[in-house]
Amino acid sequence: MTARLTATMLVSVMVRRMQAEGGNAMVVAKGDATAGAILIILAERGQPGGLVERVLGPTGYGLGATGPDDLAAPGVLSEYVERRRQRDPDLWVVELDGPGAAAVAAETMG
């Protein structure tokens, strides 16, 4: 059996990496410390650009696109996050804001 990093550790590493890249990162909602799913809001200058989440694929963990297409519409992002948290209270929600947000998320979660 291979040891895995906890959700708390993965989120902490991702936040620190984003800050080290000169961007901003914020935990919007804390989930289960050990094995909660992780939803990542990718943004640049406060404007959401996409939603990805950690998924298990045939070759291991990676990122998969998720959520509505038009995140710029008023209330769409917050409503989506609220619905996901209602269905899964163990869900972590993290916002990464900066030009390297997608790369930081992929390197940390992959």
PDB file of N, CA and C in Angstrom:
ATOM      1  N   MET A   1       0.841  -1.174   0.000  1.00  0.00           N
ATOM      2  CA  MET A   1       0.000   0.000   0.000  1.00  0.00           C
ATOM      3  C   MET A   1       0.891   1.244   0.000  1.00  0.00           C
ATOM      4  N   THR A   2       0.567   2.189  -0.859  1.00  0.00           N
ATOM      5  CA  THR A   2       1.341   3.411  -0.982  1.00  0.00           C
ATOM      6  C   THR A   2       0.704   4.511  -0.140  1.00  0.00           C
ATOM      7  N   ALA A   3       1.530   5.226   0.598  1.00  0.00           N
ATOM      8  CA  ALA A   3       1.028   6.326   1.419  1.00  0.00           C
ATOM      9  C   ALA A   3       0.628   7.497   0.523  1.00  0.00           C
ATOM     10  N   ARG A   4      -0.456   8.199   0.902  1.00  0.00           N
ATOM     11  CA  ARG A   4      -0.925   9.371   0.158  1.00  0.00           C
ATOM     12  C   ARG A   4      -0.897  10.579   1.070  1.00  0.00           C
ATOM     13  N   LEU A   5      -0.680  11.727   0.483  1.00  0.00           N
ATOM     14  CA  LEU A   5      -0.759  12.964   1.245  1.00  0.00           C
ATOM     15  C   LEU A   5      -2.222  13.252   1.570  1.00  0.00           C
ATOM     16  N   THR A   6      -2.458  13.814   2.734  1.00  0.00           N
ATOM     17  CA  THR A   6      -3.824  14.162   3.128  1.00  0.00           C
ATOM     18  C   THR A   6      -4.295  15.376   2.329  1.00  0.00           C
ATOM     19  N   ALA A   7      -5.596  15.580   2.298  1.00  0.00           N
ATOM     20  CA  ALA A   7      -6.156  16.746   1.613  1.00  0.00           C
ATOM     21  C   ALA A   7      -5.624  18.037   2.231  1.00  0.00           C
ATOM     22  N   THR A   8      -5.499  18.073   3.540  1.00  0.00           N
ATOM     23  CA  THR A   8      -4.973  19.260   4.216  1.00  0.00           C
ATOM     24  C   THR A   8      -3.566  19.589   3.739  1.00  0.00           C
ATOM     25  N   MET A   9      -2.728  18.578   3.616  1.00  0.00           N
ATOM     26  CA  MET A   9      -1.349  18.805   3.170  1.00  0.00           C
ATOM     27  C   MET A   9      -1.309  19.274   1.714  1.00  0.00           C
ATOM     28  N   LEU A  10      -2.107  18.653   0.854  1.00  0.00           N
ATOM     29  CA  LEU A  10      -2.142  19.053  -0.547  1.00  0.00           C
ATOM     30  C   LEU A  10      -2.589  20.507  -0.703  1.00  0.00           C
ATOM     31  N   VAL A  11      -3.633  20.885   0.024  1.00  0.00           N
ATOM     32  CA  VAL A  11      -4.125  22.259  -0.053  1.00  0.00           C
ATOM     33  C   VAL A  11      -3.066  23.223   0.476  1.00  0.00           C
ATOM     34  N   SER A  12      -2.431  22.885   1.575  1.00  0.00           N
ATOM     35  CA  SER A  12      -1.397  23.746   2.149  1.00  0.00           C
ATOM     36  C   SER A  12      -0.232  23.948   1.177  1.00  0.00           C
ATOM     37  N   VAL A  13       0.204  22.868   0.548  1.00  0.00           N
ATOM     38  CA  VAL A  13       1.306  22.958  -0.419  1.00  0.00           C
ATOM     39  C   VAL A  13       0.887  23.832  -1.602  1.00  0.00           C
ATOM     40  N   MET A  14      -0.323  23.633  -2.097  1.00  0.00           N
ATOM     41  CA  MET A  14      -0.802  24.393  -3.251  1.00  0.00           C
ATOM     42  C   MET A  14      -0.880  25.886  -2.934  1.00  0.00           C
ATOM     43  N   VAL A  15      -1.393  26.232  -1.763  1.00  0.00           N
ATOM     44  CA  VAL A  15      -1.488  27.635  -1.359  1.00  0.00           C
ATOM     45  C   VAL A  15      -0.104  28.259  -1.260  1.00  0.00           C
ATOM     46  N   ARG A  16       0.820  27.568  -0.634  1.00  0.00           N
ATOM     47  CA  ARG A  16       2.183  28.106  -0.484  1.00  0.00           C
ATOM     48  C   ARG A  16       2.895  28.245  -1.828  1.00  0.00           C
ATOM     49  N   ARG A  17       2.696  27.270  -2.716  1.00  0.00           N
ATOM     50  CA  ARG A  17       3.315  27.339  -4.047  1.00  0.00           C
ATOM     51  C   ARG A  17       2.782  28.530  -4.837  1.00  0.00           C
ATOM     52  N   MET A  18       1.471  28.768  -4.751  1.00  0.00           N
ATOM     53  CA  MET A  18       0.878  29.897  -5.471  1.00  0.00           C
ATOM     54  C   MET A  18       1.431  31.208  -4.937  1.00  0.00           C
ATOM     55  N   GLN A  19       1.543  31.309  -3.624  1.00  0.00           N
ATOM     56  CA  GLN A  19       2.094  32.526  -3.023  1.00  0.00           C
ATOM     57  C   GLN A  19       3.565  32.702  -3.392  1.00  0.00           C
ATOM     58  N   ALA A  20       4.308  31.616  -3.488  1.00  0.00           N
ATOM     59  CA  ALA A  20       5.712  31.686  -3.884  1.00  0.00           C
ATOM     60  C   ALA A  20       5.859  32.144  -5.334  1.00  0.00           C
ATOM     61  N   GLU A  21       4.855  31.875  -6.163  1.00  0.00           N
ATOM     62  CA  GLU A  21       4.855  32.299  -7.567  1.00  0.00           C
ATOM     63  C   GLU A  21       4.441  33.769  -7.713  1.00  0.00           C
ATOM     64  N   GLY A  22       4.096  34.406  -6.595  1.00  0.00           N
ATOM     65  CA  GLY A  22       3.692  35.804  -6.633  1.00  0.00           C
ATOM     66  C   GLY A  22       2.202  36.013  -6.775  1.00  0.00           C
ATOM     67  N   GLY A  23       1.437  34.944  -6.720  1.00  0.00           N
ATOM     68  CA  GLY A  23      -0.015  35.042  -6.821  1.00  0.00           C
ATOM     69  C   GLY A  23      -0.660  35.003  -5.453  1.00  0.00           C
ATOM     70  N   ASN A  24      -1.962  34.944  -5.457  1.00  0.00           N
ATOM     71  CA  ASN A  24      -2.729  34.859  -4.221  1.00  0.00           C
ATOM     72  C   ASN A  24      -3.446  33.516  -4.162  1.00  0.00           C
ATOM     73  N   ALA A  25      -3.674  33.049  -2.965  1.00  0.00           N
ATOM     74  CA  ALA A  25      -4.409  31.803  -2.772  1.00  0.00           C
ATOM     75  C   ALA A  25      -5.227  31.919  -1.496  1.00  0.00           C
ATOM     76  N   MET A  26      -6.412  31.318  -1.543  1.00  0.00           N
ATOM     77  CA  MET A  26      -7.287  31.397  -0.386  1.00  0.00           C
ATOM     78  C   MET A  26      -8.115  30.117  -0.295  1.00  0.00           C
ATOM     79  N   VAL A  27      -8.221  29.610   0.921  1.00  0.00           N
ATOM     80  CA  VAL A  27      -9.104  28.477   1.168  1.00  0.00           C
ATOM     81  C   VAL A  27     -10.495  29.063   1.391  1.00  0.00           C
ATOM     82  N   VAL A  28     -11.403  28.786   0.458  1.00  0.00           N
ATOM     83  CA  VAL A  28     -12.770  29.308   0.523  1.00  0.00           C
ATOM     84  C   VAL A  28     -13.598  28.471   1.486  1.00  0.00           C
ATOM     85  N   ALA A  29     -13.374  27.147   1.484  1.00  0.00           N
ATOM     86  CA  ALA A  29     -14.096  26.245   2.380  1.00  0.00           C
ATOM     87  C   ALA A  29     -13.205  25.061   2.718  1.00  0.00           C
ATOM     88  N   LYS A  30     -13.140  24.739   3.998  1.00  0.00           N
ATOM     89  CA  LYS A  30     -12.370  23.572   4.441  1.00  0.00           C
ATOM     90  C   LYS A  30     -13.242  22.335   4.371  1.00  0.00           C
ATOM     91  N   GLY A  31     -12.617  21.242   3.947  1.00  0.00           N
ATOM     92  CA  GLY A  31     -13.308  19.970   3.887  1.00  0.00           C
ATOM     93  C   GLY A  31     -12.709  18.986   4.864  1.00  0.00           C
ATOM     94  N   ASP A  32     -12.887  17.715   4.581  1.00  0.00           N
ATOM     95  CA  ASP A  32     -12.336  16.668   5.432  1.00  0.00           C
ATOM     96  C   ASP A  32     -10.812  16.741   5.401  1.00  0.00           C
ATOM     97  N   ALA A  33     -10.204  16.698   6.566  1.00  0.00           N
ATOM     98  CA  ALA A  33      -8.756  16.869   6.669  1.00  0.00           C
ATOM     99  C   ALA A  33      -7.969  15.764   5.989  1.00  0.00           C
ATOM    100  N   THR A  34      -8.514  14.576   5.940  1.00  0.00           N
ATOM    101  CA  THR A  34      -7.769  13.439   5.412  1.00  0.00           C
ATOM    102  C   THR A  34      -8.033  13.182   3.936  1.00  0.00           C
ATOM    103  N   ALA A  35      -9.309  13.071   3.568  1.00  0.00           N
ATOM    104  CA  ALA A  35      -9.604  12.586   2.224  1.00  0.00           C
ATOM    105  C   ALA A  35     -10.674  13.388   1.500  1.00  0.00           C
ATOM    106  N   GLY A  36     -10.846  14.642   1.826  1.00  0.00           N
ATOM    107  CA  GLY A  36     -11.852  15.441   1.146  1.00  0.00           C
ATOM    108  C   GLY A  36     -11.490  15.714  -0.302  1.00  0.00           C
ATOM    109  N   ALA A  37     -12.511  15.826  -1.149  1.00  0.00           N
ATOM    110  CA  ALA A  37     -12.294  16.209  -2.538  1.00  0.00           C
ATOM    111  C   ALA A  37     -11.825  17.662  -2.567  1.00  0.00           C
ATOM    112  N   ILE A  38     -11.111  18.047  -3.643  1.00  0.00           N
ATOM    113  CA  ILE A  38     -10.551  19.391  -3.737  1.00  0.00           C
ATOM    114  C   ILE A  38     -11.020  20.042  -5.034  1.00  0.00           C
ATOM    115  N   LEU A  39     -11.780  21.131  -4.907  1.00  0.00           N
ATOM    116  CA  LEU A  39     -12.259  21.924  -6.028  1.00  0.00           C
ATOM    117  C   LEU A  39     -11.419  23.195  -6.075  1.00  0.00           C
ATOM    118  N   ILE A  40     -10.877  23.526  -7.255  1.00  0.00           N
ATOM    119  CA  ILE A  40      -9.967  24.667  -7.380  1.00  0.00           C
ATOM    120  C   ILE A  40     -10.548  25.682  -8.346  1.00  0.00           C
ATOM    121  N   ILE A  41     -10.675  26.912  -7.873  1.00  0.00           N
ATOM    122  CA  ILE A  41     -11.109  28.031  -8.702  1.00  0.00           C
ATOM    123  C   ILE A  41      -9.847  28.679  -9.252  1.00  0.00           C
ATOM    124  N   LEU A  42      -9.688  28.668 -10.564  1.00  0.00           N
ATOM    125  CA  LEU A  42      -8.551  29.302 -11.211  1.00  0.00           C
ATOM    126  C   LEU A  42      -8.961  30.713 -11.609  1.00  0.00           C
ATOM    127  N   ALA A  43      -8.207  31.698 -11.169  1.00  0.00           N
ATOM    128  CA  ALA A  43      -8.561  33.090 -11.438  1.00  0.00           C
ATOM    129  C   ALA A  43      -7.312  33.884 -11.813  1.00  0.00           C
ATOM    130  N   GLU A  44      -7.566  35.021 -12.433  1.00  0.00           N
ATOM    131  CA  GLU A  44      -6.491  35.965 -12.691  1.00  0.00           C
ATOM    132  C   GLU A  44      -7.044  37.361 -12.474  1.00  0.00           C
ATOM    133  N   ARG A  45      -6.396  38.076 -11.559  1.00  0.00           N
ATOM    134  CA  ARG A  45      -6.823  39.421 -11.164  1.00  0.00           C
ATOM    135  C   ARG A  45      -8.277  39.456 -10.698  1.00  0.00           C
ATOM    136  N   GLY A  46      -8.650  38.428  -9.950  1.00  0.00           N
ATOM    137  CA  GLY A  46      -9.976  38.375  -9.363  1.00  0.00           C
ATOM    138  C   GLY A  46     -11.076  37.867 -10.278  1.00  0.00           C
ATOM    139  N   GLN A  47     -10.770  37.596 -11.520  1.00  0.00           N
ATOM    140  CA  GLN A  47     -11.770  37.112 -12.474  1.00  0.00           C
ATOM    141  C   GLN A  47     -11.635  35.604 -12.635  1.00  0.00           C
ATOM    142  N   PRO A  48     -12.676  34.837 -12.283  1.00  0.00           N
ATOM    143  CA  PRO A  48     -12.579  33.383 -12.407  1.00  0.00           C
ATOM    144  C   PRO A  48     -12.413  32.967 -13.868  1.00  0.00           C
ATOM    145  N   GLY A  49     -11.488  32.026 -14.092  1.00  0.00           N
ATOM    146  CA  GLY A  49     -11.213  31.579 -15.446  1.00  0.00           C
ATOM    147  C   GLY A  49     -11.538  30.119 -15.664  1.00  0.00           C
ATOM    148  N   GLY A  50     -11.772  29.392 -14.595  1.00  0.00           N
ATOM    149  CA  GLY A  50     -12.092  27.985 -14.739  1.00  0.00           C
ATOM    150  C   GLY A  50     -12.191  27.289 -13.402  1.00  0.00           C
ATOM    151  N   LEU A  51     -12.774  26.117 -13.438  1.00  0.00           N
ATOM    152  CA  LEU A  51     -12.900  25.270 -12.257  1.00  0.00           C
ATOM    153  C   LEU A  51     -12.317  23.909 -12.595  1.00  0.00           C
ATOM    154  N   VAL A  52     -11.471  23.419 -11.720  1.00  0.00           N
ATOM    155  CA  VAL A  52     -10.918  22.080 -11.877  1.00  0.00           C
ATOM    156  C   VAL A  52     -11.013  21.372 -10.534  1.00  0.00           C
ATOM    157  N   GLU A  53     -10.980  20.055 -10.592  1.00  0.00           N
ATOM    158  CA  GLU A  53     -10.967  19.304  -9.348  1.00  0.00           C
ATOM    159  C   GLU A  53     -10.047  18.100  -9.485  1.00  0.00           C
ATOM    160  N   ARG A  54      -9.599  17.647  -8.361  1.00  0.00           N
ATOM    161  CA  ARG A  54      -8.724  16.476  -8.306  1.00  0.00           C
ATOM    162  C   ARG A  54      -9.562  15.240  -8.607  1.00  0.00           C
ATOM    163  N   VAL A  55      -9.116  14.477  -9.616  1.00  0.00           N
ATOM    164  CA  VAL A  55      -9.843  13.270 -10.014  1.00  0.00           C
ATOM    165  C   VAL A  55      -8.855  12.108 -10.121  1.00  0.00           C
ATOM    166  N   LEU A  56      -9.377  10.916  -9.922  1.00  0.00           N
ATOM    167  CA  LEU A  56      -8.574   9.712 -10.058  1.00  0.00           C
ATOM    168  C   LEU A  56      -8.825   9.117 -11.438  1.00  0.00           C
ATOM    169  N   GLY A  57      -7.770   9.016 -12.217  1.00  0.00           N
ATOM    170  CA  GLY A  57      -7.865   8.448 -13.557  1.00  0.00           C
ATOM    171  C   GLY A  57      -7.123   7.134 -13.632  1.00  0.00           C
ATOM    172  N   PRO A  58      -7.023   6.561 -14.816  1.00  0.00           N
ATOM    173  CA  PRO A  58      -6.375   5.259 -14.985  1.00  0.00           C
ATOM    174  C   PRO A  58      -4.884   5.264 -14.631  1.00  0.00           C
ATOM    175  N   THR A  59      -4.248   6.440 -14.709  1.00  0.00           N
ATOM    176  CA  THR A  59      -2.816   6.508 -14.408  1.00  0.00           C
ATOM    177  C   THR A  59      -2.528   7.194 -13.081  1.00  0.00           C
ATOM    178  N   GLY A  60      -3.554   7.470 -12.294  1.00  0.00           N
ATOM    179  CA  GLY A  60      -3.368   8.128 -10.999  1.00  0.00           C
ATOM    180  C   GLY A  60      -4.163   9.412 -10.915  1.00  0.00           C
ATOM    181  N   TYR A  61      -3.800  10.251  -9.957  1.00  0.00           N
ATOM    182  CA  TYR A  61      -4.533  11.497  -9.739  1.00  0.00           C
ATOM    183  C   TYR A  61      -4.107  12.564 -10.738  1.00  0.00           C
ATOM    184  N   GLY A  62      -5.064  13.413 -11.071  1.00  0.00           N
ATOM    185  CA  GLY A  62      -4.828  14.543 -11.956  1.00  0.00           C
ATOM    186  C   GLY A  62      -5.940  15.551 -11.779  1.00  0.00           C
ATOM    187  N   LEU A  63      -6.045  16.478 -12.711  1.00  0.00           N
ATOM    188  CA  LEU A  63      -7.083  17.495 -12.659  1.00  0.00           C
ATOM    189  C   LEU A  63      -8.076  17.293 -13.786  1.00  0.00           C
ATOM    190  N   GLY A  64      -9.336  17.526 -13.483  1.00  0.00           N
ATOM    191  CA  GLY A  64     -10.384  17.466 -14.485  1.00  0.00           C
ATOM    192  C   GLY A  64     -11.212  18.735 -14.435  1.00  0.00           C
ATOM    193  N   ALA A  65     -11.563  19.265 -15.602  1.00  0.00           N
ATOM    194  CA  ALA A  65     -12.416  20.451 -15.661  1.00  0.00           C
ATOM    195  C   ALA A  65     -13.806  20.090 -15.152  1.00  0.00           C
ATOM    196  N   THR A  66     -14.434  21.035 -14.501  1.00  0.00           N
ATOM    197  CA  THR A  66     -15.768  20.809 -13.942  1.00  0.00           C
ATOM    198  C   THR A  66     -16.539  22.116 -13.899  1.00  0.00           C
ATOM    199  N   GLY A  67     -17.806  22.032 -13.614  1.00  0.00           N
ATOM    200  CA  GLY A  67     -18.615  23.212 -13.378  1.00  0.00           C
ATOM    201  C   GLY A  67     -19.181  23.863 -14.613  1.00  0.00           C
ATOM    202  N   PRO A  68     -19.894  24.972 -14.399  1.00  0.00           N
ATOM    203  CA  PRO A  68     -20.519  25.700 -15.508  1.00  0.00           C
ATOM    204  C   PRO A  68     -19.481  26.377 -16.395  1.00  0.00           C
ATOM    205  N   ASP A  69     -19.876  26.632 -17.645  1.00  0.00           N
ATOM    206  CA  ASP A  69     -18.963  27.265 -18.601  1.00  0.00           C
ATOM    207  C   ASP A  69     -18.811  28.762 -18.363  1.00  0.00           C
ATOM    208  N   ASP A  70     -19.892  29.441 -18.012  1.00  0.00           N
ATOM    209  CA  ASP A  70     -19.871  30.894 -17.883  1.00  0.00           C
ATOM    210  C   ASP A  70     -19.750  31.310 -16.417  1.00  0.00           C
ATOM    211  N   LEU A  71     -18.524  31.306 -15.918  1.00  0.00           N
ATOM    212  CA  LEU A  71     -18.303  31.653 -14.510  1.00  0.00           C
ATOM    213  C   LEU A  71     -18.395  33.159 -14.257  1.00  0.00           C
ATOM    214  N   ALA A  72     -18.365  33.967 -15.314  1.00  0.00           N
ATOM    215  CA  ALA A  72     -18.411  35.420 -15.148  1.00  0.00           C
ATOM    216  C   ALA A  72     -19.822  35.927 -14.884  1.00  0.00           C
ATOM    217  N   ALA A  73     -20.820  35.121 -15.188  1.00  0.00           N
ATOM    218  CA  ALA A  73     -22.200  35.542 -14.950  1.00  0.00           C
ATOM    219  C   ALA A  73     -22.443  35.694 -13.445  1.00  0.00           C
ATOM    220  N   PRO A  74     -23.205  36.708 -13.058  1.00  0.00           N
ATOM    221  CA  PRO A  74     -23.435  36.954 -11.632  1.00  0.00           C
ATOM    222  C   PRO A  74     -24.033  35.749 -10.898  1.00  0.00           C
ATOM    223  N   GLY A  75     -23.398  35.370  -9.815  1.00  0.00           N
ATOM    224  CA  GLY A  75     -23.912  34.321  -8.946  1.00  0.00           C
ATOM    225  C   GLY A  75     -23.662  32.891  -9.381  1.00  0.00           C
ATOM    226  N   VAL A  76     -23.199  32.671 -10.592  1.00  0.00           N
ATOM    227  CA  VAL A  76     -23.039  31.307 -11.105  1.00  0.00           C
ATOM    228  C   VAL A  76     -22.013  30.522 -10.288  1.00  0.00           C
ATOM    229  N   LEU A  77     -20.863  31.110 -10.046  1.00  0.00           N
ATOM    230  CA  LEU A  77     -19.801  30.414  -9.310  1.00  0.00           C
ATOM    231  C   LEU A  77     -20.231  30.115  -7.880  1.00  0.00           C
ATOM    232  N   SER A  78     -20.760  31.102  -7.187  1.00  0.00           N
ATOM    233  CA  SER A  78     -21.143  30.887  -5.784  1.00  0.00           C
ATOM    234  C   SER A  78     -22.263  29.858  -5.660  1.00  0.00           C
ATOM    235  N   GLU A  79     -23.217  29.873  -6.594  1.00  0.00           N
ATOM    236  CA  GLU A  79     -24.297  28.888  -6.563  1.00  0.00           C
ATOM    237  C   GLU A  79     -23.759  27.480  -6.817  1.00  0.00           C
ATOM    238  N   TYR A  80     -22.828  27.342  -7.740  1.00  0.00           N
ATOM    239  CA  TYR A  80     -22.253  26.034  -8.034  1.00  0.00           C
ATOM    240  C   TYR A  80     -21.502  25.491  -6.812  1.00  0.00           C
ATOM    241  N   VAL A  81     -20.678  26.338  -6.205  1.00  0.00           N
ATOM    242  CA  VAL A  81     -19.920  25.919  -5.023  1.00  0.00           C
ATOM    243  C   VAL A  81     -20.873  25.546  -3.886  1.00  0.00           C
ATOM    244  N   GLU A  82     -21.910  26.322  -3.691  1.00  0.00           N
ATOM    245  CA  GLU A  82     -22.884  26.033  -2.629  1.00  0.00           C
ATOM    246  C   GLU A  82     -23.569  24.674  -2.859  1.00  0.00           C
ATOM    247  N   ARG A  83     -23.988  24.408  -4.098  1.00  0.00           N
ATOM    248  CA  ARG A  83     -24.619  23.113  -4.403  1.00  0.00           C
ATOM    249  C   ARG A  83     -23.650  21.964  -4.160  1.00  0.00           C
ATOM    250  N   ARG A  84     -22.402  22.119  -4.573  1.00  0.00           N
ATOM    251  CA  ARG A  84     -21.407  21.061  -4.367  1.00  0.00           C
ATOM    252  C   ARG A  84     -21.160  20.817  -2.886  1.00  0.00           C
ATOM    253  N   ARG A  85     -21.089  21.885  -2.091  1.00  0.00           N
ATOM    254  CA  ARG A  85     -20.853  21.744  -0.650  1.00  0.00           C
ATOM    255  C   ARG A  85     -22.065  21.121   0.042  1.00  0.00           C
ATOM    256  N   GLN A  86     -23.264  21.359  -0.448  1.00  0.00           N
ATOM    257  CA  GLN A  86     -24.449  20.731   0.139  1.00  0.00           C
ATOM    258  C   GLN A  86     -24.415  19.222  -0.087  1.00  0.00           C
ATOM    259  N   ARG A  87     -23.999  18.811  -1.279  1.00  0.00           N
ATOM    260  CA  ARG A  87     -23.924  17.381  -1.598  1.00  0.00           C
ATOM    261  C   ARG A  87     -22.719  16.706  -0.951  1.00  0.00           C
ATOM    262  N   ASP A  88     -21.634  17.481  -0.783  1.00  0.00           N
ATOM    263  CA  ASP A  88     -20.394  16.918  -0.252  1.00  0.00           C
ATOM    264  C   ASP A  88     -19.787  17.877   0.769  1.00  0.00           C
ATOM    265  N   PRO A  89     -20.165  17.764   2.042  1.00  0.00           N
ATOM    266  CA  PRO A  89     -19.624  18.679   3.058  1.00  0.00           C
ATOM    267  C   PRO A  89     -18.136  18.488   3.315  1.00  0.00           C
ATOM    268  N   ASP A  90     -17.547  17.400   2.801  1.00  0.00           N
ATOM    269  CA  ASP A  90     -16.109  17.164   2.956  1.00  0.00           C
ATOM    270  C   ASP A  90     -15.280  17.862   1.878  1.00  0.00           C
ATOM    271  N   LEU A  91     -15.932  18.572   0.957  1.00  0.00           N
ATOM    272  CA  LEU A  91     -15.274  19.223  -0.175  1.00  0.00           C
ATOM    273  C   LEU A  91     -14.457  20.433   0.258  1.00  0.00           C
ATOM    274  N   TRP A  92     -13.213  20.478  -0.188  1.00  0.00           N
ATOM    275  CA  TRP A  92     -12.371  21.658  -0.040  1.00  0.00           C
ATOM    276  C   TRP A  92     -12.606  22.540  -1.253  1.00  0.00           C
ATOM    277  N   VAL A  93     -12.637  23.857  -1.061  1.00  0.00           N
ATOM    278  CA  VAL A  93     -12.716  24.814  -2.164  1.00  0.00           C
ATOM    279  C   VAL A  93     -11.566  25.796  -1.989  1.00  0.00           C
ATOM    280  N   VAL A  94     -10.717  25.869  -3.010  1.00  0.00           N
ATOM    281  CA  VAL A  94      -9.520  26.707  -2.955  1.00  0.00           C
ATOM    282  C   VAL A  94      -9.513  27.614  -4.176  1.00  0.00           C
ATOM    283  N   GLU A  95      -9.204  28.899  -3.977  1.00  0.00           N
ATOM    284  CA  GLU A  95      -9.059  29.826  -5.102  1.00  0.00           C
ATOM    285  C   GLU A  95      -7.591  30.163  -5.277  1.00  0.00           C
ATOM    286  N   LEU A  96      -7.105  29.974  -6.495  1.00  0.00           N
ATOM    287  CA  LEU A  96      -5.747  30.358  -6.868  1.00  0.00           C
ATOM    288  C   LEU A  96      -5.855  31.508  -7.852  1.00  0.00           C
ATOM    289  N   ASP A  97      -5.210  32.629  -7.555  1.00  0.00           N
ATOM    290  CA  ASP A  97      -5.324  33.815  -8.386  1.00  0.00           C
ATOM    291  C   ASP A  97      -3.938  34.254  -8.832  1.00  0.00           C
ATOM    292  N   GLY A  98      -3.691  34.135 -10.123  1.00  0.00           N
ATOM    293  CA  GLY A  98      -2.420  34.549 -10.687  1.00  0.00           C
ATOM    294  C   GLY A  98      -2.203  33.893 -12.032  1.00  0.00           C
ATOM    295  N   PRO A  99      -1.242  34.410 -12.808  1.00  0.00           N
ATOM    296  CA  PRO A  99      -1.025  33.870 -14.150  1.00  0.00           C
ATOM    297  C   PRO A  99      -0.585  32.403 -14.163  1.00  0.00           C
ATOM    298  N   GLY A 100       0.019  31.915 -13.110  1.00  0.00           N
ATOM    299  CA  GLY A 100       0.478  30.538 -13.064  1.00  0.00           C
ATOM    300  C   GLY A 100      -0.439  29.608 -12.295  1.00  0.00           C
ATOM    301  N   ALA A 101      -1.688  30.007 -12.068  1.00  0.00           N
ATOM    302  CA  ALA A 101      -2.598  29.230 -11.225  1.00  0.00           C
ATOM    303  C   ALA A 101      -2.823  27.819 -11.753  1.00  0.00           C
ATOM    304  N   ALA A 102      -3.063  27.673 -13.035  1.00  0.00           N
ATOM    305  CA  ALA A 102      -3.325  26.340 -13.605  1.00  0.00           C
ATOM    306  C   ALA A 102      -2.108  25.437 -13.472  1.00  0.00           C
ATOM    307  N   ALA A 103      -0.929  25.979 -13.684  1.00  0.00           N
ATOM    308  CA  ALA A 103       0.299  25.183 -13.575  1.00  0.00           C
ATOM    309  C   ALA A 103       0.540  24.750 -12.131  1.00  0.00           C
ATOM    310  N   VAL A 104       0.326  25.649 -11.183  1.00  0.00           N
ATOM    311  CA  VAL A 104       0.503  25.305  -9.769  1.00  0.00           C
ATOM    312  C   VAL A 104      -0.473  24.202  -9.373  1.00  0.00           C
ATOM    313  N   ALA A 105      -1.722  24.328  -9.783  1.00  0.00           N
ATOM    314  CA  ALA A 105      -2.729  23.317  -9.457  1.00  0.00           C
ATOM    315  C   ALA A 105      -2.342  21.964 -10.065  1.00  0.00           C
ATOM    316  N   ALA A 106      -1.929  21.960 -11.315  1.00  0.00           N
ATOM    317  CA  ALA A 106      -1.578  20.709 -11.991  1.00  0.00           C
ATOM    318  C   ALA A 106      -0.360  20.051 -11.356  1.00  0.00           C
ATOM    319  N   GLU A 107       0.647  20.834 -11.017  1.00  0.00           N
ATOM    320  CA  GLU A 107       1.860  20.280 -10.407  1.00  0.00           C
ATOM    321  C   GLU A 107       1.585  19.726  -9.021  1.00  0.00           C
ATOM    322  N   THR A 108       0.715  20.375  -8.264  1.00  0.00           N
ATOM    323  CA  THR A 108       0.429  19.950  -6.902  1.00  0.00           C
ATOM    324  C   THR A 108      -0.488  18.734  -6.879  1.00  0.00           C
ATOM    325  N   MET A 109      -1.495  18.733  -7.709  1.00  0.00           N
ATOM    326  CA  MET A 109      -2.505  17.674  -7.680  1.00  0.00           C
ATOM    327  C   MET A 109      -2.149  16.463  -8.552  1.00  0.00           C
ATOM    328  N   GLY A 110      -1.262  16.641  -9.512  1.00  0.00           N
ATOM    329  CA  GLY A 110      -0.948  15.567 -10.457  1.00  0.00           C
ATOM    330  C   GLY A 110      -0.035  14.512  -9.930  1.00  0.00           C
TER     331      GLY A 110
END
